[in-house]
Protein backbone atom coordinates (compact mmCIF):
# COMPACT_ATOMS: atom_id res chain seq x y z
CA MET A 1 21.25 -36.97 1.40
CA LYS A 2 18.89 -35.69 -1.30
CA ILE A 3 15.25 -36.45 -0.79
CA SER A 4 13.55 -38.38 -3.65
CA VAL A 5 10.00 -37.45 -4.73
CA LYS A 6 7.23 -39.25 -6.37
CA ILE A 7 4.48 -37.27 -7.95
CA CYS A 8 1.11 -39.65 -8.23
CA GLY A 9 -1.97 -39.28 -10.13
CA ILE A 10 -0.46 -37.67 -13.13
CA SER A 11 -3.16 -37.79 -15.91
CA ASP A 12 -2.29 -34.91 -18.25
CA ASP A 13 0.76 -33.17 -20.09
CA ARG A 14 0.92 -30.27 -17.82
CA GLY A 15 1.42 -32.39 -14.64
CA LEU A 16 3.81 -34.50 -16.05
CA VAL A 17 5.95 -31.87 -17.58
CA ALA A 18 6.03 -29.86 -14.27
CA ALA A 19 7.08 -33.09 -12.45
CA VAL A 20 9.82 -34.07 -14.68
CA GLU A 21 11.23 -30.46 -15.11
CA ALA A 22 11.08 -29.90 -10.99
CA GLY A 23 12.88 -32.99 -10.59
CA ALA A 24 10.62 -35.83 -9.57
CA SER A 25 12.42 -39.31 -9.52
CA GLN A 26 8.95 -41.35 -10.12
CA VAL A 27 5.69 -40.39 -11.47
CA GLY A 28 2.56 -42.50 -10.83
CA PHE A 29 -0.45 -43.38 -12.92
CA VAL A 30 -3.85 -44.20 -11.22
CA PHE A 31 -5.56 -47.38 -12.54
CA PHE A 32 -8.17 -47.70 -10.15
CA ARG A 33 -11.62 -46.50 -11.31
CA GLN A 34 -13.19 -45.18 -8.29
CA SER A 35 -10.18 -42.49 -8.18
CA PRO A 36 -10.78 -39.12 -9.65
CA ARG A 37 -7.21 -39.59 -10.85
CA TYR A 38 -7.78 -42.61 -12.79
CA VAL A 39 -6.27 -42.33 -16.27
CA VAL A 40 -7.32 -44.63 -19.51
CA LEU A 41 -4.58 -46.84 -21.09
CA ASP A 42 -4.28 -44.68 -24.41
CA THR A 43 -3.48 -41.35 -22.21
CA ALA A 44 -1.23 -43.24 -19.74
CA ALA A 45 0.66 -44.87 -22.57
CA GLU A 46 1.33 -41.51 -24.50
CA LEU A 47 2.35 -39.81 -21.15
CA VAL A 48 4.83 -42.64 -20.27
CA ALA A 49 6.37 -42.78 -23.58
CA ALA A 50 7.14 -38.87 -23.10
CA LEU A 51 8.97 -39.56 -19.87
CA PRO A 52 12.85 -39.60 -19.77
CA ARG A 53 14.37 -43.08 -18.69
CA THR A 54 15.73 -41.13 -15.57
CA VAL A 55 12.25 -40.90 -14.34
CA THR A 56 10.36 -44.20 -13.14
CA SER A 57 6.66 -44.84 -14.06
CA VAL A 58 4.82 -46.33 -11.18
CA GLY A 59 1.03 -47.96 -11.83
CA LEU A 60 -1.11 -47.80 -9.14
CA PHE A 61 -3.62 -50.43 -8.56
CA VAL A 62 -5.88 -51.60 -5.83
CA ASP A 63 -6.46 -55.34 -5.30
CA PRO A 64 -6.08 -56.07 -9.00
CA THR A 65 -6.12 -59.28 -10.74
CA ASP A 66 -3.52 -60.65 -12.92
CA ARG A 67 -5.82 -59.76 -16.01
CA ASP A 68 -6.08 -56.28 -14.69
CA LEU A 69 -2.46 -56.13 -14.33
CA ASP A 70 -1.33 -57.58 -17.59
CA MET A 71 -4.05 -55.35 -19.54
CA VAL A 72 -2.35 -52.34 -18.33
CA ILE A 73 1.47 -53.47 -18.41
CA SER A 74 0.98 -54.68 -22.07
CA HIS A 75 0.17 -51.46 -23.02
CA VAL A 76 1.85 -48.96 -20.84
CA ARG A 77 5.90 -48.90 -20.01
CA LEU A 78 5.77 -49.22 -16.38
CA GLY A 79 8.97 -49.49 -14.20
CA MET A 80 6.98 -50.08 -11.01
CA VAL A 81 3.77 -51.55 -9.66
CA GLN A 82 2.18 -50.16 -6.51
CA LEU A 83 -0.30 -52.26 -4.78
CA HIS A 84 -2.60 -50.18 -2.70
CA GLY A 85 -5.11 -52.31 -1.29
CA ARG A 86 -5.53 -55.54 0.70
CA GLU A 87 -3.20 -57.40 -1.02
CA THR A 88 -1.00 -60.22 1.10
CA PRO A 89 2.93 -60.81 1.17
CA GLN A 90 1.90 -63.90 -0.96
CA ARG A 91 0.25 -61.75 -3.41
CA VAL A 92 3.02 -59.44 -3.77
CA ASP A 93 5.41 -62.50 -4.40
CA ASP A 94 2.85 -63.48 -7.18
CA VAL A 95 2.78 -60.21 -8.81
CA ARG A 96 6.57 -59.74 -8.81
CA ALA A 97 7.03 -63.27 -10.21
CA ALA A 98 4.21 -62.85 -12.81
CA PHE A 99 5.39 -59.56 -14.23
CA GLY A 100 9.06 -58.99 -13.42
CA LEU A 101 8.44 -55.42 -11.96
CA PRO A 102 9.44 -54.28 -8.62
CA VAL A 103 6.48 -53.90 -6.47
CA ILE A 104 5.55 -50.78 -3.70
CA LYS A 105 3.36 -51.97 -1.11
CA ALA A 106 1.11 -49.38 0.59
CA ILE A 107 0.70 -49.62 4.41
CA GLY A 108 -2.18 -47.96 5.98
CA VAL A 109 -1.06 -46.26 9.20
CA SER A 110 -3.09 -44.84 12.30
CA LYS A 111 -1.38 -46.26 15.00
CA ALA A 112 1.91 -47.70 15.96
CA GLN A 113 0.93 -51.23 15.42
CA ASP A 114 0.64 -50.83 11.71
CA ILE A 115 4.20 -49.91 11.30
CA HIS A 116 4.88 -53.25 13.40
CA GLU A 117 2.76 -55.31 10.78
CA ALA A 118 4.44 -53.85 7.85
CA LYS A 119 7.17 -56.12 8.68
CA ALA A 120 5.01 -58.87 7.50
CA TYR A 121 6.18 -57.69 3.82
CA GLU A 122 9.67 -58.04 4.46
CA ASP A 123 11.61 -59.89 1.85
CA HIS A 124 8.34 -59.71 -0.39
CA ALA A 125 7.91 -56.01 -1.22
CA ASP A 126 10.92 -53.80 -3.09
CA TRP A 127 9.30 -50.75 -1.20
CA LEU A 128 6.93 -49.88 1.24
CA MET A 129 4.71 -46.77 1.29
CA PHE A 130 3.60 -45.65 4.96
CA ASP A 131 0.15 -43.56 4.02
CA ALA A 132 -2.65 -42.75 6.15
CA LYS A 133 -5.44 -44.90 6.61
CA ALA A 134 -8.46 -43.91 4.65
CA PRO A 135 -11.54 -42.43 6.45
CA LYS A 136 -14.12 -45.02 7.09
CA ALA A 137 -16.50 -43.40 4.38
CA SER A 138 -14.03 -43.28 1.78
CA ALA A 139 -14.15 -45.60 -1.27
CA ARG A 140 -10.67 -45.11 -1.98
CA PRO A 141 -7.67 -46.55 0.18
CA GLY A 142 -5.56 -43.42 -0.69
CA GLY A 143 -5.39 -39.62 -2.22
CA ASN A 144 -7.68 -38.63 0.46
CA ALA A 145 -5.62 -35.53 1.63
CA VAL A 146 -5.34 -37.06 5.14
CA SER A 147 -2.11 -37.68 7.35
CA PHE A 148 -0.99 -39.56 10.24
CA ASP A 149 1.37 -39.00 13.07
CA TRP A 150 4.49 -39.16 11.12
CA SER A 151 6.79 -39.74 13.87
CA LEU A 152 5.27 -43.18 13.82
CA ALA A 153 7.41 -44.09 10.95
CA ARG A 154 10.69 -43.90 12.99
CA SER A 155 9.72 -47.04 14.66
CA TYR A 156 10.17 -48.98 11.52
CA ALA A 157 13.40 -51.00 11.80
CA GLY A 158 13.28 -53.48 8.58
CA ALA A 159 15.63 -53.63 5.95
CA THR A 160 12.92 -52.76 3.07
CA PRO A 161 13.10 -49.37 1.94
CA TRP A 162 10.18 -47.04 2.40
CA MET A 163 8.56 -43.77 1.53
CA LEU A 164 5.94 -41.45 3.30
CA ALA A 165 2.69 -40.49 1.97
CA GLY A 166 -0.60 -39.15 2.99
CA GLY A 167 -1.72 -35.56 3.30
CA LEU A 168 1.73 -34.12 2.39
CA THR A 169 1.73 -30.52 0.94
CA PRO A 170 4.33 -27.95 -0.08
CA ARG A 171 3.67 -26.09 3.39
CA ASN A 172 4.17 -29.64 5.39
CA VAL A 173 6.30 -31.76 3.66
CA ALA A 174 9.64 -30.41 5.33
CA LYS A 175 8.09 -30.98 8.70
CA ALA A 176 6.75 -34.74 7.72
CA ILE A 177 10.37 -35.46 6.57
CA LYS A 178 11.93 -34.17 9.86
CA ASP A 179 9.30 -36.19 12.04
CA SER A 180 9.64 -38.94 9.92
CA GLY A 181 13.08 -39.49 8.95
CA ALA A 182 11.63 -40.39 5.37
CA ARG A 183 14.25 -40.13 2.44
CA LYS A 184 11.43 -40.37 -0.23
CA VAL A 185 7.93 -38.72 -0.19
CA ASP A 186 4.98 -39.22 -2.35
CA VAL A 187 2.30 -36.70 -2.90
CA SER A 188 -0.83 -36.48 -4.97
CA SER A 189 -3.82 -34.37 -3.52
CA GLY A 190 -1.52 -32.15 -1.88
CA VAL A 191 -0.50 -30.87 -5.41
CA GLU A 192 -3.73 -30.44 -6.98
CA THR A 193 -6.15 -27.44 -7.45
CA ARG A 194 -9.20 -29.98 -7.52
CA PRO A 195 -9.43 -33.78 -7.07
CA GLY A 196 -7.54 -35.15 -10.13
CA ILE A 197 -5.95 -31.78 -11.61
CA LYS A 198 -2.36 -31.31 -11.00
CA SER A 199 -1.18 -27.90 -10.20
CA PRO A 200 2.23 -27.31 -12.04
CA ALA A 201 2.77 -24.24 -9.40
CA LYS A 202 2.13 -26.54 -6.60
CA ILE A 203 4.38 -29.26 -8.07
CA ARG A 204 7.31 -26.90 -8.32
CA ALA A 205 6.69 -25.65 -4.69
CA PHE A 206 6.60 -29.07 -3.47
CA LEU A 207 9.89 -29.99 -5.02
CA SER A 208 11.32 -26.96 -4.03
CA ALA A 209 10.28 -27.40 -0.31
CA THR A 210 12.34 -30.82 -0.33
CA GLN A 211 15.31 -29.37 -1.86
CA GLY A 212 18.36 -29.29 0.40
CA LEU A 213 16.49 -31.35 3.16
CA ALA A 214 18.01 -34.55 4.56
CA SER A 215 16.14 -37.21 6.35
CA GLN A 216 17.09 -37.22 10.23
CA LYS A 217 17.67 -40.30 11.78
CA LYS A 218 16.20 -41.11 15.28
CA PRO A 219 19.25 -40.28 17.59
């Protein structure tokens, strides 16, 4: 089965074009001001308008209010919302009901118990994202170029589809897929020249590294 790829933190034309041409199924736009990948509304709207309909635009938010979400969704054509903070299952339900968009809920992982606790979002989130827990000193819940033991993801037995994130690069993504059994991966810092600046060459290399790979299920 083909591995799907989401390129997150897109903020300019070069990164967008590279992601689309290389075959990404989703591109993410960060609406969290503390992130070096934060993109202003007008820029995000212009970039999303250039997307082919075959590529889904995802808006990344961290503990947003309804007002935060409405400000973005009323200006930018999003296909999905990614909640990357401490949002509860009930908050996920509220966002889905209020805005009519599918929701990805990011789950910070550092140990097996974190995967088990993700089951609380069954029947609430449309997708789960298993990402590395942020270092204690970090002001950002994701995009920190750190990874976790990818094999932990194999213990997830729920029905909600999931994707893998956290410290992925063109060099390690094949191993990450093999270890985790992921069918979908998300990358941001791993395809940058510096925080917030995407490298078209690294984006192409990342997509190339996933081509022909199939997730390997637990025996």
